[in-house]
Protein backbone atom coordinates (compact mmCIF):
# COMPACT_ATOMS: atom_id res chain seq x y z
CA MET A 1 6.46 -16.71 8.14
CA LYS A 2 2.93 -15.62 8.93
CA PHE A 3 -0.17 -14.18 7.30
CA THR A 4 -0.11 -10.41 7.75
CA ASN A 5 -2.45 -8.60 10.11
CA TYR A 6 -2.69 -5.78 7.55
CA TYR A 7 -5.18 -6.98 4.98
CA ILE A 8 -8.82 -6.62 4.02
CA ALA A 9 -10.67 -9.36 2.14
CA THR A 10 -14.10 -9.17 0.57
CA GLN A 11 -16.79 -11.76 0.83
CA ALA A 12 -16.57 -14.49 -1.77
CA ILE A 13 -18.02 -13.68 -5.18
CA PHE A 14 -18.79 -16.21 -7.90
CA ASP A 15 -16.79 -15.63 -11.07
CA GLU A 16 -18.92 -16.91 -13.91
CA LEU A 17 -16.04 -16.91 -16.40
CA GLU A 18 -13.94 -19.24 -14.24
CA SER A 19 -16.84 -20.88 -12.38
CA LYS A 20 -15.06 -20.30 -9.09
CA ASN A 21 -15.57 -18.36 -5.92
CA LYS A 22 -13.19 -15.43 -5.87
CA VAL A 23 -12.06 -13.04 -3.15
CA VAL A 24 -10.60 -9.57 -3.62
CA ILE A 25 -7.86 -8.99 -1.07
CA PHE A 26 -6.08 -5.75 -0.22
CA ALA A 27 -2.56 -5.78 1.22
CA SER A 28 -2.54 -2.48 3.05
CA ARG A 29 1.20 -2.52 3.79
CA THR A 30 1.87 -2.12 0.07
CA SER A 31 -1.53 -0.95 -1.27
CA ASN A 32 -1.69 -3.92 -3.59
CA VAL A 33 -4.89 -5.66 -4.66
CA ARG A 34 -5.21 -9.26 -5.77
CA VAL A 35 -8.18 -11.33 -6.94
CA ILE A 36 -7.63 -14.82 -5.63
CA ASP A 37 -9.50 -18.10 -5.40
CA GLU A 38 -11.37 -18.54 -2.14
CA GLU A 39 -9.32 -21.64 -1.42
CA ILE A 40 -6.13 -19.56 -1.62
CA LEU A 41 -7.49 -17.26 1.08
CA ASN A 42 -8.22 -20.30 3.23
CA ILE A 43 -4.61 -21.40 2.80
CA LEU A 44 -3.41 -17.95 3.82
CA VAL A 45 -5.60 -17.85 6.90
CA SER A 46 -4.47 -21.33 7.97
CA GLU A 47 -0.86 -20.35 7.13
CA ARG A 48 -0.26 -23.58 5.21
CA PHE A 49 2.03 -21.75 2.82
CA ASP A 50 3.57 -25.00 1.50
CA LEU A 51 0.33 -25.55 -0.41
CA LEU A 52 0.76 -22.36 -2.40
CA PRO A 53 2.25 -22.49 -5.92
CA GLU A 54 5.74 -20.97 -5.85
CA GLU A 55 4.87 -17.94 -7.98
CA ILE A 56 1.86 -17.10 -5.79
CA PHE A 57 3.89 -17.56 -2.61
CA GLN A 58 6.59 -15.21 -3.94
CA ASP A 59 4.03 -12.63 -5.01
CA PHE A 60 2.42 -12.67 -1.56
CA LEU A 61 5.86 -12.16 -0.03
CA ASP A 62 6.53 -9.22 -2.34
CA ILE A 63 3.25 -7.47 -1.51
CA LYS A 64 3.50 -8.37 2.20
CA LEU A 65 0.50 -10.60 2.53
CA ILE A 66 3.00 -13.11 3.89
CA VAL A 67 5.56 -11.59 6.23
CA ASN A 68 8.46 -12.52 8.46
CA ASP A 69 7.87 -9.85 11.03
CA ASP A 70 7.62 -10.16 14.80
CA SER A 71 6.04 -6.73 15.17
CA GLU A 72 4.32 -5.40 12.08
CA LEU A 73 3.08 -2.34 13.93
CA LEU A 74 6.60 -1.36 14.93
CA THR A 75 7.84 -1.94 11.38
CA ILE A 76 5.12 0.27 9.92
CA LEU A 77 5.66 3.06 12.43
CA ASN A 78 9.45 2.87 11.99
CA ARG A 79 8.88 3.29 8.27
CA ASN A 80 6.63 6.28 8.90
CA ASN A 81 9.11 7.86 11.30
CA GLY A 82 11.93 7.20 8.87
CA ALA A 83 9.99 8.92 6.08
CA ALA A 84 9.61 11.98 8.30
CA ILE A 85 13.24 12.08 9.43
CA ASN A 86 14.65 11.47 5.95
CA ASP A 87 12.20 13.69 4.06
CA ASP A 88 14.25 15.87 1.71
CA ASP A 89 11.35 18.18 0.80
CA LEU A 90 10.97 21.25 3.00
CA TYR A 91 7.23 21.87 3.25
CA LEU A 92 6.12 25.28 4.49
CA VAL A 93 2.54 26.57 4.56
CA VAL A 94 1.88 30.31 4.44
CA GLN A 95 -1.29 32.19 5.31
CA PRO A 96 -0.58 35.58 3.71
CA THR A 97 -3.72 37.15 5.16
CA ALA A 98 -6.18 36.61 7.99
CA TYR A 99 -9.15 37.70 5.86
CA CYS A 100 -11.68 35.80 3.78
CA GLN A 101 -14.62 37.16 1.79
CA LEU A 102 -16.79 34.16 2.71
CA GLY A 103 -18.87 33.54 5.81
CA CYS A 104 -19.11 29.75 5.77
CA HIS A 105 -21.19 28.62 8.74
CA TYR A 106 -18.95 25.64 9.50
CA CYS A 107 -15.69 27.59 9.53
CA GLY A 108 -14.18 28.03 12.98
CA GLN A 109 -11.78 30.81 11.98
CA GLU A 110 -12.01 34.46 12.96
CA HIS A 111 -11.23 36.66 9.95
CA ARG A 112 -9.64 40.09 10.14
CA SER A 113 -8.40 42.40 7.40
CA ILE A 114 -4.72 41.83 8.13
CA MET A 115 -1.83 41.00 5.79
CA MET A 116 1.50 39.51 6.78
CA SER A 117 3.78 42.50 7.37
CA GLU A 118 6.92 43.12 5.33
CA GLU A 119 8.97 42.61 8.49
CA ASP A 120 7.38 39.22 9.13
CA GLN A 121 7.86 38.29 5.49
CA GLN A 122 11.59 38.85 5.90
CA ARG A 123 11.63 36.93 9.17
CA PHE A 124 9.89 34.04 7.43
CA ILE A 125 12.43 34.06 4.59
CA GLU A 126 15.24 34.00 7.12
CA ARG A 127 13.61 31.11 8.97
CA ALA A 128 13.32 29.17 5.71
CA ARG A 129 16.97 29.98 4.98
CA GLN A 130 18.07 28.52 8.30
CA LYS A 131 16.26 25.29 7.50
CA LEU A 132 17.76 25.06 4.01
CA GLU A 133 21.24 25.71 5.41
CA THR A 134 21.16 22.23 6.94
CA LYS A 135 21.74 20.94 3.36
CA LYS A 136 19.15 18.27 4.10
CA PHE A 137 16.67 19.30 1.44
CA LYS A 138 16.44 18.84 -2.33
CA SER A 139 13.17 20.72 -2.80
CA LEU A 140 11.17 23.54 -1.27
CA SER A 141 7.38 23.18 -1.34
CA ILE A 142 5.05 26.01 -0.40
CA GLY A 143 1.36 25.68 0.41
CA TRP A 144 -0.72 28.86 0.20
CA PHE A 145 -3.62 28.57 2.59
CA GLY A 146 -6.35 30.65 4.20
CA ALA A 147 -8.43 32.39 5.46
CA GLU A 148 -8.42 33.19 1.68
CA PRO A 149 -4.88 33.35 0.28
CA LEU A 150 -5.81 35.26 -2.88
CA ILE A 151 -6.78 38.23 -0.71
CA GLY A 152 -3.08 38.25 0.16
CA LEU A 153 -1.87 38.03 -3.44
CA PRO A 154 0.58 40.95 -2.99
CA VAL A 155 2.23 39.04 -0.15
CA MET A 156 2.29 35.88 -2.25
CA LYS A 157 4.05 37.74 -5.07
CA ALA A 158 6.63 39.30 -2.79
CA LEU A 159 7.42 36.05 -0.98
CA THR A 160 7.49 33.87 -4.09
CA SER A 161 10.29 35.82 -5.77
CA GLU A 162 12.41 35.50 -2.63
CA LEU A 163 11.51 31.87 -1.99
CA LYS A 164 12.38 30.88 -5.55
CA ALA A 165 15.74 32.63 -5.28
CA LEU A 166 16.33 31.03 -1.88
CA ALA A 167 15.59 27.55 -3.21
CA ALA A 168 17.90 28.08 -6.17
CA SER A 169 20.73 29.28 -3.91
CA TYR A 170 20.62 25.93 -2.12
CA ASN A 171 20.20 23.89 -5.32
CA CYS A 172 16.63 23.01 -4.41
CA SER A 173 13.72 22.75 -6.80
CA TYR A 174 10.66 24.89 -6.06
CA ASN A 175 6.97 24.08 -6.27
CA ALA A 176 3.78 25.45 -4.76
CA LYS A 177 0.08 24.71 -4.36
CA ILE A 178 -2.91 26.74 -3.26
CA VAL A 179 -6.22 26.04 -1.53
CA THR A 180 -8.66 28.81 -2.45
CA ASN A 181 -12.38 29.52 -2.37
CA GLY A 182 -12.03 30.41 -6.06
CA LEU A 183 -14.04 33.63 -5.92
CA ALA A 184 -11.13 35.81 -7.07
CA LEU A 185 -9.59 33.20 -9.36
CA THR A 186 -10.03 35.01 -12.66
CA ASN A 187 -8.19 34.02 -15.82
CA ASN A 188 -5.57 36.71 -15.25
CA VAL A 189 -4.99 35.64 -11.66
CA ALA A 190 -4.76 31.98 -12.71
CA THR A 191 -2.15 32.85 -15.32
CA GLU A 192 -0.12 34.71 -12.73
CA LEU A 193 -0.37 31.89 -10.21
CA VAL A 194 0.84 29.19 -12.57
CA GLN A 195 3.27 31.03 -14.82
CA GLU A 196 4.82 33.44 -12.32
CA LEU A 197 4.24 32.03 -8.85
CA GLY A 198 5.08 28.43 -9.71
CA ILE A 199 1.80 26.96 -8.54
CA SER A 200 1.22 23.46 -9.89
CA ALA A 201 -1.89 22.45 -7.93
CA ILE A 202 -5.08 24.40 -7.23
CA GLU A 203 -7.89 23.20 -4.96
CA ILE A 204 -11.32 24.88 -4.94
CA THR A 205 -14.35 24.11 -2.78
CA LEU A 206 -17.89 23.77 -4.13
CA ASP A 207 -20.49 22.55 -1.64
CA GLY A 208 -22.96 21.34 -4.25
CA VAL A 209 -24.90 23.28 -6.86
CA ALA A 210 -25.96 26.90 -6.33
CA GLU A 211 -29.07 26.11 -4.29
CA TYR A 212 -26.96 24.37 -1.64
CA HIS A 213 -23.57 26.05 -2.02
CA ASP A 214 -24.92 29.58 -1.63
CA MET A 215 -26.62 28.69 1.64
CA ARG A 216 -23.26 27.59 3.07
CA ARG A 217 -20.48 29.45 1.29
CA MET A 218 -21.92 32.91 0.84
CA GLN A 219 -19.99 36.15 1.08
CA LYS A 220 -19.88 37.84 4.47
CA ASN A 221 -22.46 40.33 3.19
CA GLY A 222 -24.76 37.45 2.29
CA LEU A 223 -24.29 37.60 -1.48
CA PRO A 224 -24.09 34.29 -3.38
CA THR A 225 -20.80 32.92 -4.71
CA PHE A 226 -21.56 29.75 -6.69
CA ASP A 227 -22.06 31.21 -10.16
CA LYS A 228 -18.81 33.18 -10.06
CA ILE A 229 -16.76 30.33 -8.60
CA PHE A 230 -18.24 27.75 -10.98
CA ALA A 231 -17.49 29.98 -13.97
CA ASN A 232 -13.91 30.35 -12.75
CA VAL A 233 -13.64 26.57 -12.35
CA VAL A 234 -14.88 25.89 -15.87
CA ASN A 235 -12.60 28.53 -17.38
CA LEU A 236 -9.65 27.20 -15.43
CA ALA A 237 -10.30 23.57 -16.34
CA ASN A 238 -10.38 24.48 -20.03
CA ARG A 239 -7.05 26.33 -19.96
CA GLN A 240 -4.74 24.34 -22.19
CA ASP A 241 -1.94 26.88 -21.90
CA LEU A 242 -1.37 26.27 -18.20
CA ASP A 243 0.31 23.23 -16.65
CA PHE A 244 -1.30 22.47 -13.28
CA ASN A 245 -3.67 20.09 -11.51
CA LEU A 246 -7.16 21.25 -10.58
CA SER A 247 -9.02 19.61 -7.69
CA ILE A 248 -12.60 20.22 -6.56
CA ARG A 249 -13.53 19.47 -2.96
CA CYS A 250 -17.13 19.18 -1.80
CA ASN A 251 -17.68 19.48 1.96
CA VAL A 252 -20.82 17.69 3.11
CA ASP A 253 -23.06 17.26 6.14
CA TYR A 254 -26.75 16.52 6.61
CA ASP A 255 -27.70 19.84 5.00
CA ASN A 256 -26.15 19.26 1.59
CA TYR A 257 -25.16 15.63 0.99
CA GLU A 258 -27.97 15.35 -1.56
CA SER A 259 -26.27 17.99 -3.67
CA VAL A 260 -23.18 15.93 -4.47
CA SER A 261 -24.85 14.08 -7.34
CA LEU A 262 -26.29 17.32 -8.68
CA LEU A 263 -22.85 18.90 -8.66
CA LEU A 264 -21.31 15.91 -10.42
CA HIS A 265 -23.88 16.22 -13.19
CA GLU A 266 -23.34 19.97 -13.49
CA LEU A 267 -19.58 19.54 -13.78
CA ALA A 268 -20.11 16.82 -16.39
CA ALA A 269 -22.58 19.01 -18.30
CA ALA A 270 -19.82 21.64 -18.47
CA GLY A 271 -17.57 19.00 -20.05
CA ILE A 272 -14.77 19.20 -17.49
CA GLN A 273 -15.21 15.89 -15.65
CA ASP A 274 -12.05 14.42 -17.15
CA LYS A 275 -10.02 17.59 -16.54
CA ILE A 276 -10.35 17.76 -12.77
CA SER A 277 -9.99 15.67 -9.66
CA PHE A 278 -13.07 15.54 -7.46
CA TYR A 279 -13.54 14.38 -3.91
CA VAL A 280 -16.04 14.68 -1.10
CA ALA A 281 -15.06 15.40 2.49
CA PRO A 282 -17.19 15.19 5.63
CA ILE A 283 -17.51 18.36 7.70
CA HIS A 284 -15.41 18.12 10.85
CA SER A 285 -14.88 20.19 13.95
CA TRP A 286 -12.76 23.28 13.40
CA GLY A 287 -12.64 24.31 17.03
CA ASN A 288 -16.44 24.51 16.88
CA ASP A 289 -19.47 22.21 16.81
CA ALA A 290 -19.71 21.89 13.01
CA HIS A 291 -19.20 18.14 13.32
CA LYS A 292 -22.55 17.78 15.07
CA LYS A 293 -24.30 18.11 11.69
CA SER A 294 -22.00 15.59 10.04
CA LEU A 295 -23.16 12.32 8.60
CA SER A 296 -22.10 9.28 10.58
CA LYS A 297 -18.95 7.67 9.25
CA GLU A 298 -20.98 4.68 8.09
CA GLU A 299 -23.54 6.88 6.31
CA PHE A 300 -20.82 8.85 4.55
CA ALA A 301 -18.94 5.70 3.54
CA SER A 302 -22.08 4.19 2.01
CA LEU A 303 -22.93 7.35 0.08
CA GLU A 304 -19.36 7.63 -1.15
CA ILE A 305 -19.64 4.33 -3.00
CA ASN A 306 -22.74 5.66 -4.78
CA TRP A 307 -20.84 8.81 -5.72
CA PHE A 308 -17.97 6.72 -7.07
CA VAL A 309 -20.39 4.83 -9.29
CA GLU A 310 -21.86 8.09 -10.58
CA MET A 311 -18.39 9.45 -11.24
CA LEU A 312 -17.56 6.36 -13.28
CA GLU A 313 -20.75 6.68 -15.29
CA LEU A 314 -20.12 10.38 -15.95
CA GLY A 315 -16.49 9.96 -16.96
CA PHE A 316 -14.71 11.42 -13.95
CA LYS A 317 -11.22 10.32 -13.01
CA THR A 318 -11.60 7.92 -10.10
CA ASN A 319 -9.30 6.13 -7.68
CA PHE A 320 -10.96 3.68 -5.30
CA ILE A 321 -7.88 2.14 -3.76
CA PRO A 322 -6.07 4.06 -1.02
CA GLU A 323 -2.34 4.58 -1.40
CA GLN A 324 0.45 4.43 1.16
CA LYS A 325 0.62 7.36 3.57
CA PRO A 326 3.77 7.23 5.68
CA LEU A 327 3.54 10.98 6.37
CA VAL A 328 0.05 11.52 7.71
CA CYS A 329 0.34 15.33 7.76
CA MET A 330 2.70 18.17 8.59
CA ALA A 331 2.28 17.46 12.31
CA VAL A 332 4.70 14.53 12.16
CA MET A 333 7.17 16.23 9.79
CA PRO A 334 9.88 17.73 12.03
CA ASP A 335 10.68 20.67 9.74
CA ALA A 336 7.25 21.41 8.27
CA GLU A 337 5.47 24.51 9.53
CA LEU A 338 2.56 26.83 8.95
CA VAL A 339 2.97 30.55 9.51
CA ASP A 340 -0.07 32.81 9.75
CA ALA A 341 -0.44 36.51 9.00
CA TYR A 342 0.31 37.39 12.64
CA GLY A 343 3.64 35.55 12.61
CA ASN A 344 2.38 32.60 14.69
CA ILE A 345 3.90 29.25 13.78
CA PHE A 346 2.09 25.90 13.94
CA ASN A 347 2.66 22.31 12.88
CA CYS A 348 -1.04 21.90 12.03
CA SER A 349 -3.21 23.63 9.42
CA GLU A 350 -6.45 23.27 11.39
CA VAL A 351 -5.81 25.61 14.31
CA SER A 352 -4.72 29.08 13.20
CA TYR A 353 -7.21 31.97 13.48
CA VAL A 354 -9.46 29.78 15.65
CA PRO A 355 -10.47 31.78 18.75
CA THR A 356 -11.53 28.62 20.57
CA TYR A 357 -7.86 27.83 21.08
CA GLY A 358 -7.20 31.01 23.01
CA THR A 359 -4.89 34.01 22.76
CA PRO A 360 -2.12 33.17 22.30
CA ASN A 361 -3.25 30.06 20.45
CA GLU A 362 -2.54 26.95 22.53
CA TYR A 363 -1.29 25.13 19.42
CA ALA A 364 1.22 27.84 18.40
CA ILE A 365 4.69 26.30 18.69
CA ASP A 366 6.74 29.40 17.88
CA HIS A 367 6.57 32.96 16.56
CA LEU A 368 8.57 34.74 13.89
CA LEU A 369 9.69 37.20 16.59
CA GLY A 370 10.94 34.31 18.73
CA LYS A 371 8.62 35.10 21.62
CA PRO A 372 7.44 32.17 23.76
CA MET A 373 4.31 30.36 22.61
CA PRO A 374 2.24 27.87 24.63
CA GLY A 375 2.29 25.01 22.13
CA LYS A 376 4.94 22.32 21.71
CA ARG A 377 5.79 20.60 18.43
CA GLU A 378 5.78 17.22 20.12
CA ARG A 379 2.15 17.61 21.24
CA LEU A 380 1.10 16.52 17.75
CA GLY A 381 4.50 15.47 16.47
CA ASN A 382 4.80 12.41 18.73
CA PHE A 383 1.67 10.86 17.23
CA ASN A 384 3.40 7.73 15.90
CA GLN A 385 4.98 7.07 19.29
CA ARG A 386 1.57 7.29 20.95
CA VAL A 387 0.10 4.90 18.39
CA LEU A 388 2.88 2.44 19.20
CA LYS A 389 1.93 2.66 22.89
CA GLY A 390 -1.64 1.73 21.98
CA GLU A 391 -3.15 5.06 23.01
CA PHE A 392 -5.30 5.21 19.85
CA ASP A 393 -7.29 2.59 17.95
CA CYS A 394 -4.83 2.88 15.05
CA ALA A 395 -2.59 0.35 16.80
CA THR A 396 -4.92 -2.52 15.90
CA CYS A 397 -6.37 -1.23 12.62
CA PRO A 398 -5.40 -2.97 9.36
CA MET A 399 -5.83 0.35 7.49
CA LEU A 400 -3.04 2.15 9.37
CA PRO A 401 -0.48 1.87 6.53
CA VAL A 402 -2.78 3.75 4.13
CA CYS A 403 -4.24 6.40 6.40
CA GLY A 404 -1.28 6.97 8.68
CA GLY A 405 -3.71 7.45 11.54
CA ALA A 406 -5.55 10.35 9.88
CA CYS A 407 -5.58 13.49 12.06
CA PRO A 408 -3.42 13.56 15.24
CA LYS A 409 -5.25 16.64 16.50
CA SER A 410 -8.66 14.96 16.23
CA TRP A 411 -7.41 11.93 18.16
CA LEU A 412 -6.13 14.22 20.92
CA GLU A 413 -9.49 15.97 21.06
CA GLY A 414 -11.30 12.66 21.46
CA MET A 415 -12.88 12.56 17.99
CA ALA A 416 -11.76 9.52 15.99
CA PRO A 417 -10.88 10.83 12.50
CA CYS A 418 -10.90 7.46 10.72
CA PRO A 419 -11.36 8.00 6.97
CA SER A 420 -14.20 6.54 4.94
CA THR A 421 -11.92 3.83 3.57
CA LYS A 422 -12.06 2.08 6.93
CA HIS A 423 -15.81 1.66 6.51
CA ASN A 424 -16.10 0.99 2.78
CA ILE A 425 -12.85 -0.64 1.71
CA GLN A 426 -14.62 -3.91 0.86
CA GLU A 427 -17.11 -2.10 -1.37
CA ARG A 428 -14.23 -0.19 -3.00
CA LEU A 429 -12.46 -3.46 -3.72
CA LEU A 430 -15.57 -5.01 -5.24
CA LEU A 431 -16.17 -1.90 -7.33
CA ALA A 432 -12.59 -1.99 -8.61
CA TYR A 433 -13.05 -5.68 -9.44
CA ALA A 434 -16.27 -4.96 -11.34
CA VAL A 435 -14.57 -2.19 -13.32
CA SER A 436 -11.67 -4.47 -14.19
CA ARG A 437 -14.05 -7.12 -15.50
CA LEU A 438 -15.72 -4.59 -17.77
CA SER A 439 -12.50 -3.22 -19.23
């Protein structure tokens, strides 16, 4: 028996109610949090487990603070690989069009007014059929992605009817989600998405309030977009006749990080803070140099704690504690794919339509026509094996079980994608402790 390598503990805090020093400890292998006496932590560190009360010892075994494991890294990666191999959900991402109305300065995509052809639609359906014929899957999940997927709504309609029928023919359930800029998300379109196209999750991006958002996410002709998108968000959040989850993402860099608080207050003023999920994401490279204006990881992590506090005060739904992530992304899922409007197939959602990656795209692993492509699935798909070899810092990081290593592509490109939790997990734990003491 030994004390796990996969834990984070806060500094000691004095609990006035118990008149003791307490420590908040996070067992990352199970995403469990415990508030323990400082002396208990000392026992753990010294591995004098015989001094622990039986019920505490058993609890620490259950949440994997105490383990009987010669190689925890291998165990974690075997679990992750097993989750990928045994995944019974077929996840396919579709980009129905290569066009987007917006001209976001940090976007690395090249947009053209092209829809997925009817012939490629049928080839995609046949490709999905071949995967389902393996009888491995119990569900079919579709992600509609951009460019801007709502520009390709006719393609979405045509494919959805066939995909639903295909799933049913193999006794699979069907579900879908969409990531959209929200500009065309009117009430009628929202009704169609949820009630007819089976979409259960909608994500929309707002980069702050109008003053900031419209400088970053304007239309290609320069016209502003915030007022229309925000109105659509408010209308959508107040729809009680539709069953779906609504998420708002705010992309930030040095130009707009000050707008996050303003946006939180505007969403709260609209009365929808408890009807949405909200999160902030740092701008990253999309085959371009957008990351050069990003906040440092430490700066972002510090600001994020402040945003969490504001969210609590304003009544937003919050979740400070990271959950398990055995499947880091579609790259490590052997059957998951993204198909773009040209028929190119990828196992990453960050590379299509990006001219930096060449023509044909160096990350394209296949094509609906079956013609040779330069990319190989294993280039990103062998990420866990490379972590095991110690090629990336993930091999020695206690946060690996809850981030999965973040982005395999970023690691390959030499840009460590470690999430904010790595830099503010102690503050998150203390914040969760403070909230628990107030409840």
